[in-house]
Amino acid sequence: MEIFDPQKFVETAVAEMKKNIGSEKALVAVSGGVDSTTCAVLTRKAIGENLACVILDDVFMRQGEPEHVAETLSKPPFNVPATVVDVRERFLKAMKTLKDAEEKRKMFRETFYQVLAETAKKEKCKILVQGTIRADIIETVGGVKTQHNVLEQMGISPMERFGFKVVEPLLPLFKEQVRMVARLLGLPPEFSERQPFPGPGLSVRVVGEIRRDKLETLRKATAIAESELQGLKPGQYFAVIMDNEEAPQPRVLRVQETTARLLNVPSRNVHVKVFKDKATGVEGGKRRYGEVIGIRVETMNGKLHQTPLQNIISLQARIITENPEVARVFYAIKEVSEKKPYVIGIRSVETKNFLEAKVSEIPWPTLEKIADGITKKCSDVSTVYYDVTPKPPATIEME
């Protein structure tokens, strides 16, 4: 197997972009993630001032992210002037009332490209450069989930539909190879080592209907989870949010008994809920929607039971084997006494190619600290869980 040479890749990619773009003006949309940022810097290297760079503030970015990314990119050594385009209300309106994960992804894609088409026309650009990578294509074409930046591979002509040609210089690469290119180009660690952040942003971490208050709670929880977990350097880590609504299921009793037996606790100390909204899973390389089960185990004195995470991960595997309808298992870290509208899930995984991932063994004190911070700052959250499901059967993102 040939060893990846980032220097050779940069030289080849720059030469190809000069040839493909020529003297045309090109547009690139940057989210601040390593893929789009690397793509912007690489393209700037190839075509110089003929690149127009925009950051779409689509309401699904993290706290203060659009302004920070624009400011950083515009400074040396990158000198890529970036303009923030405020389209928050437009995206909220477009995504309103949608609950199905694929419907949300497709609506995001449609709105995203419509905005870019209008921006390209305004900037007099006939070419869009974007940071699509190999995993995006594999998952979309394979039917796991629709990545928002995959068009031609799904039979969508960007020129006919949106009025621009698409150039994708990072298409042959996996995430770690993109990071190698980013380091070579001189991107600081905040970009080159940055947490993968999906194109549709926090929208794919809001399970079920997207509402403004739900989104703001997730933004706060995300900041807390990322702050506490970054020092441990997991492969990917973030928070997700779900409505605290249950769907009555006869299998709850079976899950309760399985949990009690495997964790060696009385069944009366095990509380199981099946959430009303479903999340995306993967089976045989294909997407499937499945139930999310929340498990809360109490000790004899009423505190939450803390057992080694490997025990809970083994429990998850047994539950999903016995109940194929289940896509994810959440294990409670903290619960407040009063029922609130939402629950938060913490997701942390280790992965090399993002096509498979195992659950990070985060120490209990760290999980407790995250949960304490979230319940203090997010007054509408009842329970904080740890998502103990690997990929497969779960996807890395919730939707």
Protein backbone atom coordinates (compact mmCIF):
# COMPACT_ATOMS: atom_id res chain seq x y z
CA MET A 1 0.00 0.00 0.00
CA GLU A 2 1.44 3.36 -1.07
CA ILE A 3 2.19 5.79 1.78
CA PHE A 4 0.26 9.04 1.46
CA ASP A 5 2.50 12.02 0.64
CA PRO A 6 0.75 15.30 1.54
CA GLN A 7 3.35 17.42 -0.29
CA LYS A 8 2.83 15.49 -3.51
CA PHE A 9 -0.93 15.71 -3.07
CA VAL A 10 -0.84 19.50 -2.62
CA GLU A 11 1.32 19.96 -5.71
CA THR A 12 -0.98 17.78 -7.81
CA ALA A 13 -4.20 19.33 -6.44
CA VAL A 14 -2.97 22.90 -7.01
CA ALA A 15 -1.94 22.07 -10.58
CA GLU A 16 -5.30 20.40 -11.31
CA MET A 17 -7.27 23.34 -9.87
CA LYS A 18 -5.28 25.83 -11.93
CA LYS A 19 -6.11 23.75 -14.99
CA ASN A 20 -9.81 23.18 -14.13
CA ILE A 21 -10.60 26.68 -12.86
CA GLY A 22 -8.28 28.72 -15.03
CA SER A 23 -9.04 32.43 -14.87
CA GLU A 24 -12.61 31.90 -13.65
CA LYS A 25 -13.71 33.21 -10.27
CA ALA A 26 -14.62 30.47 -7.75
CA LEU A 27 -16.70 30.37 -4.58
CA VAL A 28 -15.96 28.31 -1.48
CA ALA A 29 -18.16 27.97 1.62
CA VAL A 30 -16.27 27.38 4.87
CA SER A 31 -17.76 25.97 8.06
CA GLY A 32 -14.55 26.05 10.10
CA GLY A 33 -14.14 22.28 9.92
CA VAL A 34 -10.86 20.82 8.70
CA ASP A 35 -12.25 19.75 5.30
CA SER A 36 -13.73 23.07 4.17
CA THR A 37 -10.93 25.16 5.71
CA THR A 38 -8.21 23.06 4.07
CA CYS A 39 -10.13 23.27 0.82
CA ALA A 40 -10.28 27.09 1.03
CA VAL A 41 -6.55 27.49 1.79
CA LEU A 42 -5.60 25.01 -0.93
CA THR A 43 -7.78 26.80 -3.49
CA ARG A 44 -6.43 30.20 -2.49
CA LYS A 45 -2.95 28.79 -3.14
CA ALA A 46 -4.07 27.73 -6.62
CA ILE A 47 -6.10 30.72 -7.87
CA GLY A 48 -5.24 33.57 -5.49
CA GLU A 49 -7.66 36.50 -5.37
CA ASN A 50 -10.06 34.80 -7.78
CA LEU A 51 -11.45 32.94 -4.76
CA ALA A 52 -14.52 34.29 -2.95
CA CYS A 53 -14.90 32.75 0.52
CA VAL A 54 -18.16 32.81 2.49
CA ILE A 55 -19.30 31.42 5.84
CA LEU A 56 -23.01 30.66 5.95
CA ASP A 57 -24.37 31.43 9.41
CA ASP A 58 -27.17 28.88 9.09
CA VAL A 59 -28.14 28.90 12.82
CA PHE A 60 -26.64 25.41 13.25
CA MET A 61 -23.06 26.43 14.08
CA ARG A 62 -21.51 26.47 17.54
CA GLN A 63 -21.34 29.50 19.85
CA GLY A 64 -19.52 32.41 18.18
CA GLU A 65 -18.22 30.15 15.43
CA PRO A 66 -18.99 32.12 12.21
CA GLU A 67 -17.27 35.30 13.37
CA HIS A 68 -14.26 33.47 14.82
CA VAL A 69 -13.66 31.45 11.65
CA ALA A 70 -13.99 34.52 9.44
CA GLU A 71 -11.55 36.51 11.56
CA THR A 72 -8.95 33.71 11.68
CA LEU A 73 -9.06 32.97 7.96
CA SER A 74 -8.76 36.63 6.99
CA LYS A 75 -5.47 37.06 8.92
CA PRO A 76 -1.92 35.96 7.92
CA PRO A 77 -0.67 33.44 7.06
CA PHE A 78 -3.86 32.50 5.20
CA ASN A 79 -5.09 35.88 3.99
CA VAL A 80 -8.36 34.37 2.80
CA PRO A 81 -10.95 37.17 3.17
CA ALA A 82 -14.16 35.54 4.39
CA THR A 83 -17.64 37.08 4.52
CA VAL A 84 -20.30 35.88 6.98
CA VAL A 85 -23.71 35.52 5.33
CA ASP A 86 -26.61 35.60 7.82
CA VAL A 87 -29.20 33.03 6.69
CA ARG A 88 -30.34 31.85 10.13
CA GLU A 89 -34.03 32.62 9.74
CA ARG A 90 -34.12 31.11 6.27
CA PHE A 91 -32.75 27.78 7.46
CA LEU A 92 -34.97 27.68 10.55
CA LYS A 93 -38.04 28.29 8.40
CA ALA A 94 -37.00 25.64 5.86
CA MET A 95 -36.37 22.98 8.54
CA LYS A 96 -39.40 23.81 10.68
CA THR A 97 -41.73 20.86 11.47
CA LEU A 98 -39.42 18.26 9.86
CA LYS A 99 -38.71 15.24 12.08
CA ASP A 100 -37.31 12.56 9.79
CA ALA A 101 -33.50 12.58 9.66
CA GLU A 102 -33.22 12.10 5.90
CA GLU A 103 -35.89 14.73 5.21
CA LYS A 104 -33.91 17.18 7.34
CA ARG A 105 -30.63 16.36 5.59
CA LYS A 106 -32.21 16.77 2.14
CA MET A 107 -33.90 20.04 3.09
CA PHE A 108 -30.62 21.34 4.48
CA ARG A 109 -28.88 20.39 1.22
CA GLU A 110 -31.51 22.10 -0.91
CA THR A 111 -31.46 25.30 1.17
CA PHE A 112 -27.66 25.27 1.38
CA TYR A 113 -27.21 25.09 -2.38
CA GLN A 114 -29.97 27.58 -3.13
CA VAL A 115 -28.17 30.09 -0.88
CA LEU A 116 -24.85 29.28 -2.53
CA ALA A 117 -26.41 29.65 -5.99
CA GLU A 118 -27.62 33.15 -5.08
CA THR A 119 -24.24 33.99 -3.54
CA ALA A 120 -22.34 32.67 -6.59
CA LYS A 121 -24.48 34.77 -8.89
CA LYS A 122 -23.88 37.85 -6.76
CA GLU A 123 -20.12 37.19 -6.71
CA LYS A 124 -20.10 36.35 -10.45
CA CYS A 125 -18.75 32.84 -9.78
CA LYS A 126 -19.49 29.90 -12.06
CA ILE A 127 -17.47 27.41 -9.99
CA LEU A 128 -18.06 26.12 -6.45
CA VAL A 129 -15.09 24.51 -4.70
CA GLN A 130 -16.05 22.27 -1.80
CA GLY A 131 -14.32 19.97 0.67
CA THR A 132 -16.13 16.70 -0.05
CA ILE A 133 -14.02 13.75 1.13
CA ARG A 134 -14.05 10.03 0.40
CA ALA A 135 -16.14 9.00 3.43
CA ASP A 136 -18.92 11.43 2.37
CA ILE A 137 -19.28 9.63 -0.95
CA ILE A 138 -19.09 6.13 0.55
CA GLU A 139 -21.85 6.82 3.09
CA THR A 140 -24.16 8.66 0.68
CA VAL A 141 -23.86 6.28 -2.26
CA GLY A 142 -23.97 3.33 0.13
CA GLY A 143 -27.29 4.52 1.55
CA VAL A 144 -26.17 5.17 5.15
CA LYS A 145 -27.06 8.87 5.10
CA THR A 146 -27.29 11.73 2.63
CA GLN A 147 -24.25 13.96 3.03
CA HIS A 148 -25.27 17.51 2.18
CA ASN A 149 -22.28 18.07 -0.12
CA VAL A 150 -22.77 15.09 -2.43
CA LEU A 151 -24.45 16.03 -5.73
CA GLU A 152 -23.05 14.59 -8.96
CA GLN A 153 -22.46 11.17 -7.41
CA MET A 154 -26.21 11.05 -6.72
CA GLY A 155 -27.19 12.10 -10.24
CA ILE A 156 -27.76 15.78 -9.42
CA SER A 157 -26.25 18.16 -12.00
CA PRO A 158 -25.05 21.26 -10.11
CA MET A 159 -24.82 23.28 -13.33
CA GLU A 160 -28.40 22.49 -14.38
CA ARG A 161 -29.84 22.80 -10.88
CA PHE A 162 -27.82 25.63 -9.36
CA GLY A 163 -25.86 27.27 -12.15
CA PHE A 164 -22.31 26.35 -11.16
CA LYS A 165 -19.67 23.68 -11.76
CA VAL A 166 -18.36 21.83 -8.68
CA VAL A 167 -14.65 21.21 -8.05
CA GLU A 168 -13.73 18.82 -5.20
CA PRO A 169 -9.96 18.72 -4.62
CA LEU A 170 -10.13 16.57 -1.44
CA LEU A 171 -12.32 13.85 -2.93
CA PRO A 172 -9.68 11.04 -2.84
CA LEU A 173 -8.85 11.61 0.84
CA PHE A 174 -10.02 10.25 4.19
CA LYS A 175 -10.16 12.54 7.23
CA GLU A 176 -6.69 11.76 8.60
CA GLN A 177 -5.14 12.46 5.20
CA VAL A 178 -6.94 15.81 5.10
CA ARG A 179 -5.41 16.61 8.50
CA MET A 180 -1.95 15.82 7.12
CA VAL A 181 -2.55 18.24 4.25
CA ALA A 182 -3.87 20.88 6.69
CA ARG A 183 -0.70 20.64 8.80
CA LEU A 184 1.47 20.94 5.71
CA LEU A 185 -0.43 24.08 4.65
CA GLY A 186 0.26 25.61 8.06
CA LEU A 187 -3.23 25.51 9.53
CA PRO A 188 -3.07 25.86 13.33
CA PRO A 189 -4.20 22.90 15.48
CA GLU A 190 -7.59 24.55 16.13
CA PHE A 191 -8.33 23.76 12.47
CA SER A 192 -6.06 20.84 11.52
CA GLU A 193 -7.00 18.80 14.61
CA ARG A 194 -10.49 20.18 14.94
CA GLN A 195 -13.40 18.02 15.90
CA PRO A 196 -15.24 16.79 12.81
CA PHE A 197 -18.35 18.94 12.48
CA PRO A 198 -21.08 17.89 10.04
CA GLY A 199 -22.02 20.20 7.18
CA PRO A 200 -25.61 20.48 8.46
CA GLY A 201 -24.09 21.40 11.83
CA LEU A 202 -26.11 20.98 15.00
CA SER A 203 -29.23 20.14 12.97
CA VAL A 204 -28.13 16.48 12.79
CA ARG A 205 -27.65 16.44 16.57
CA VAL A 206 -31.20 17.60 17.22
CA VAL A 207 -33.25 14.42 17.12
CA GLY A 208 -36.79 15.02 15.92
CA GLU A 209 -38.23 18.48 15.41
CA ILE A 210 -35.89 21.47 15.39
CA ARG A 211 -37.06 24.34 17.60
CA ARG A 212 -35.16 27.48 18.52
CA ASP A 213 -35.12 26.79 22.28
CA LYS A 214 -34.08 23.17 21.70
CA LEU A 215 -31.25 24.32 19.47
CA GLU A 216 -30.03 26.90 21.99
CA THR A 217 -29.99 24.28 24.76
CA LEU A 218 -27.93 21.99 22.54
CA ARG A 219 -25.50 24.83 21.78
CA LYS A 220 -24.89 25.33 25.53
CA ALA A 221 -24.52 21.58 26.15
CA THR A 222 -22.14 21.27 23.20
CA ALA A 223 -19.83 23.95 24.60
CA ILE A 224 -19.70 22.20 27.99
CA ALA A 225 -19.14 18.70 26.56
CA GLU A 226 -16.42 19.82 24.16
CA SER A 227 -14.64 21.86 26.84
CA GLU A 228 -14.46 18.93 29.24
CA LEU A 229 -13.64 16.20 26.71
CA GLN A 230 -11.07 17.90 24.50
CA GLY A 231 -8.22 17.23 26.93
CA LEU A 232 -8.85 13.48 26.66
CA LYS A 233 -8.53 13.72 22.86
CA PRO A 234 -11.20 11.23 21.77
CA GLY A 235 -11.70 10.70 18.04
CA GLN A 236 -14.97 12.63 18.02
CA TYR A 237 -17.11 14.00 20.85
CA PHE A 238 -20.22 16.14 21.15
CA ALA A 239 -23.68 16.50 22.68
CA VAL A 240 -27.09 15.60 21.21
CA ILE A 241 -30.59 16.55 22.29
CA MET A 242 -33.93 14.71 22.26
CA ASP A 243 -37.46 15.49 23.36
CA ASN A 244 -38.17 13.84 26.70
CA GLU A 245 -41.15 11.93 25.33
CA GLU A 246 -41.62 8.18 25.73
CA ALA A 247 -43.18 5.64 23.40
CA PRO A 248 -44.83 2.79 25.35
CA GLN A 249 -43.16 -0.49 24.35
CA PRO A 250 -43.76 -4.03 25.65
CA ARG A 251 -40.02 -4.78 25.32
CA VAL A 252 -39.19 -2.41 28.19
CA LEU A 253 -39.62 -5.24 30.71
CA ARG A 254 -37.26 -7.50 28.74
CA VAL A 255 -34.60 -4.77 28.61
CA GLN A 256 -35.07 -4.15 32.33
CA GLU A 257 -34.49 -7.81 33.11
CA THR A 258 -31.46 -8.05 30.81
CA THR A 259 -29.91 -4.98 32.43
CA ALA A 260 -30.52 -6.25 35.96
CA ARG A 261 -29.00 -9.64 35.15
CA LEU A 262 -25.88 -8.33 33.36
CA LEU A 263 -25.15 -5.53 35.84
CA ASN A 264 -26.06 -7.70 38.83
CA VAL A 265 -28.57 -5.26 40.32
CA PRO A 266 -32.20 -5.73 41.44
CA SER A 267 -34.63 -5.24 38.53
CA ARG A 268 -36.62 -2.74 40.63
CA ASN A 269 -33.55 -0.46 40.50
CA VAL A 270 -33.54 -0.43 36.69
CA HIS A 271 -35.65 2.14 34.83
CA VAL A 272 -36.00 1.90 31.06
CA LYS A 273 -37.60 4.30 28.58
CA VAL A 274 -38.01 4.11 24.83
CA PHE A 275 -37.98 7.58 23.32
CA LYS A 276 -40.69 8.64 20.92
CA ASP A 277 -38.25 9.96 18.30
CA LYS A 278 -35.96 7.54 16.50
CA ALA A 279 -32.31 7.96 15.50
CA THR A 280 -30.24 6.79 12.55
CA GLY A 281 -28.40 3.52 12.73
CA VAL A 282 -26.54 1.40 10.21
CA GLU A 283 -26.91 -2.30 9.39
CA GLY A 284 -25.11 -4.15 6.63
CA GLY A 285 -23.75 -0.84 5.36
CA LYS A 286 -27.26 0.57 4.94
CA ARG A 287 -29.18 3.19 6.89
CA ARG A 288 -31.93 2.14 9.26
CA TYR A 289 -33.98 4.08 11.79
CA GLY A 290 -34.19 2.55 15.21
CA GLU A 291 -35.36 3.20 18.72
CA VAL A 292 -33.27 5.00 21.30
CA ILE A 293 -33.43 3.37 24.73
CA GLY A 294 -32.54 5.26 27.88
CA ILE A 295 -31.43 3.21 30.90
CA ARG A 296 -31.19 4.56 34.44
CA VAL A 297 -29.83 2.26 37.14
CA GLU A 298 -30.02 3.27 40.80
CA THR A 299 -28.01 2.03 43.77
CA MET A 300 -29.72 1.00 47.00
CA ASN A 301 -29.34 4.55 48.38
CA GLY A 302 -30.96 6.13 45.32
CA LYS A 303 -27.83 7.34 43.54
CA LEU A 304 -27.05 6.46 39.93
CA HIS A 305 -25.13 3.23 39.53
CA GLN A 306 -21.60 3.65 38.15
CA THR A 307 -20.15 0.49 36.69
CA PRO A 308 -17.10 0.12 34.39
CA LEU A 309 -18.03 1.37 30.93
CA GLN A 310 -17.04 -1.93 29.33
CA ASN A 311 -19.88 -3.54 31.30
CA ILE A 312 -22.35 -1.02 29.87
CA ILE A 313 -21.01 -1.42 26.34
CA SER A 314 -21.44 -5.20 26.66
CA LEU A 315 -24.96 -4.58 27.97
CA GLN A 316 -25.70 -2.41 24.93
CA ALA A 317 -24.59 -5.21 22.60
CA ARG A 318 -26.88 -7.70 24.33
CA ILE A 319 -29.86 -5.34 24.28
CA ILE A 320 -29.52 -4.62 20.56
CA THR A 321 -28.98 -8.30 19.74
CA GLU A 322 -32.17 -9.22 21.62
CA ASN A 323 -34.08 -6.18 20.31
CA PRO A 324 -33.14 -5.48 16.66
CA GLU A 325 -35.53 -2.52 16.59
CA VAL A 326 -33.09 -0.62 18.83
CA ALA A 327 -30.40 1.55 17.19
CA ARG A 328 -28.87 3.16 20.30
CA VAL A 329 -28.55 2.64 24.03
CA PHE A 330 -28.13 5.61 26.39
CA TYR A 331 -26.95 5.15 29.99
CA ALA A 332 -27.92 7.82 32.55
CA ILE A 333 -25.14 9.87 34.14
CA LYS A 334 -27.37 12.32 35.98
CA GLU A 335 -31.10 13.00 36.38
CA VAL A 336 -32.86 15.89 38.10
CA SER A 337 -35.94 15.30 40.23
CA GLU A 338 -38.36 17.30 38.08
CA LYS A 339 -39.32 16.21 34.55
CA LYS A 340 -38.10 18.71 31.91
CA PRO A 341 -38.75 18.92 28.13
CA TYR A 342 -35.38 17.59 26.93
CA VAL A 343 -32.64 15.04 27.54
CA ILE A 344 -29.00 15.36 26.48
CA GLY A 345 -26.81 12.54 25.20
CA ILE A 346 -23.02 12.71 25.27
CA ARG A 347 -21.31 10.98 22.36
CA SER A 348 -17.59 10.18 22.36
CA VAL A 349 -15.99 7.66 20.00
CA GLU A 350 -12.63 6.47 18.70
CA THR A 351 -12.33 6.05 14.94
CA LYS A 352 -9.71 5.97 12.18
CA ASN A 353 -11.86 6.16 9.05
CA PHE A 354 -15.27 7.32 10.41
CA LEU A 355 -16.87 4.26 8.82
CA GLU A 356 -16.46 2.34 12.09
CA ALA A 357 -16.13 3.64 15.64
CA LYS A 358 -15.92 2.32 19.18
CA VAL A 359 -17.16 4.06 22.33
CA SER A 360 -14.56 6.05 24.28
CA GLU A 361 -13.92 4.90 27.84
CA ILE A 362 -14.42 8.28 29.48
CA PRO A 363 -13.77 8.29 33.28
CA TRP A 364 -16.88 8.57 35.42
CA PRO A 365 -15.69 11.77 37.17
CA THR A 366 -15.45 13.48 33.76
CA LEU A 367 -18.91 12.29 32.74
CA GLU A 368 -20.30 13.52 36.07
CA LYS A 369 -18.66 16.92 35.65
CA ILE A 370 -20.15 17.30 32.16
CA ALA A 371 -23.60 16.28 33.41
CA ASP A 372 -23.41 18.67 36.37
CA GLY A 373 -22.47 21.55 34.08
CA ILE A 374 -25.27 20.80 31.64
CA THR A 375 -28.03 20.47 34.25
CA LYS A 376 -26.90 23.74 35.88
CA LYS A 377 -26.77 25.76 32.65
CA CYS A 378 -29.63 24.07 30.80
CA SER A 379 -32.73 24.43 32.98
CA ASP A 380 -34.91 22.52 30.50
CA VAL A 381 -32.89 19.25 30.66
CA SER A 382 -34.12 16.30 32.76
CA THR A 383 -31.41 13.71 32.19
CA VAL A 384 -27.88 13.55 30.81
CA TYR A 385 -26.92 10.21 29.25
CA TYR A 386 -23.80 8.66 27.79
CA ASP A 387 -24.35 7.07 24.38
CA VAL A 388 -22.72 3.64 24.70
CA THR A 389 -23.35 2.45 21.12
CA PRO A 390 -20.49 1.85 18.65
CA LYS A 391 -20.69 2.22 14.86
CA PRO A 392 -22.22 -0.03 13.67
CA PRO A 393 -25.03 -0.43 14.76
CA ALA A 394 -25.25 3.35 15.34
CA THR A 395 -23.94 6.04 13.04
CA ILE A 396 -21.48 8.48 14.63
CA GLU A 397 -23.93 11.38 14.30
CA MET A 398 -27.49 11.01 15.57
CA GLU A 399 -29.14 11.72 12.24
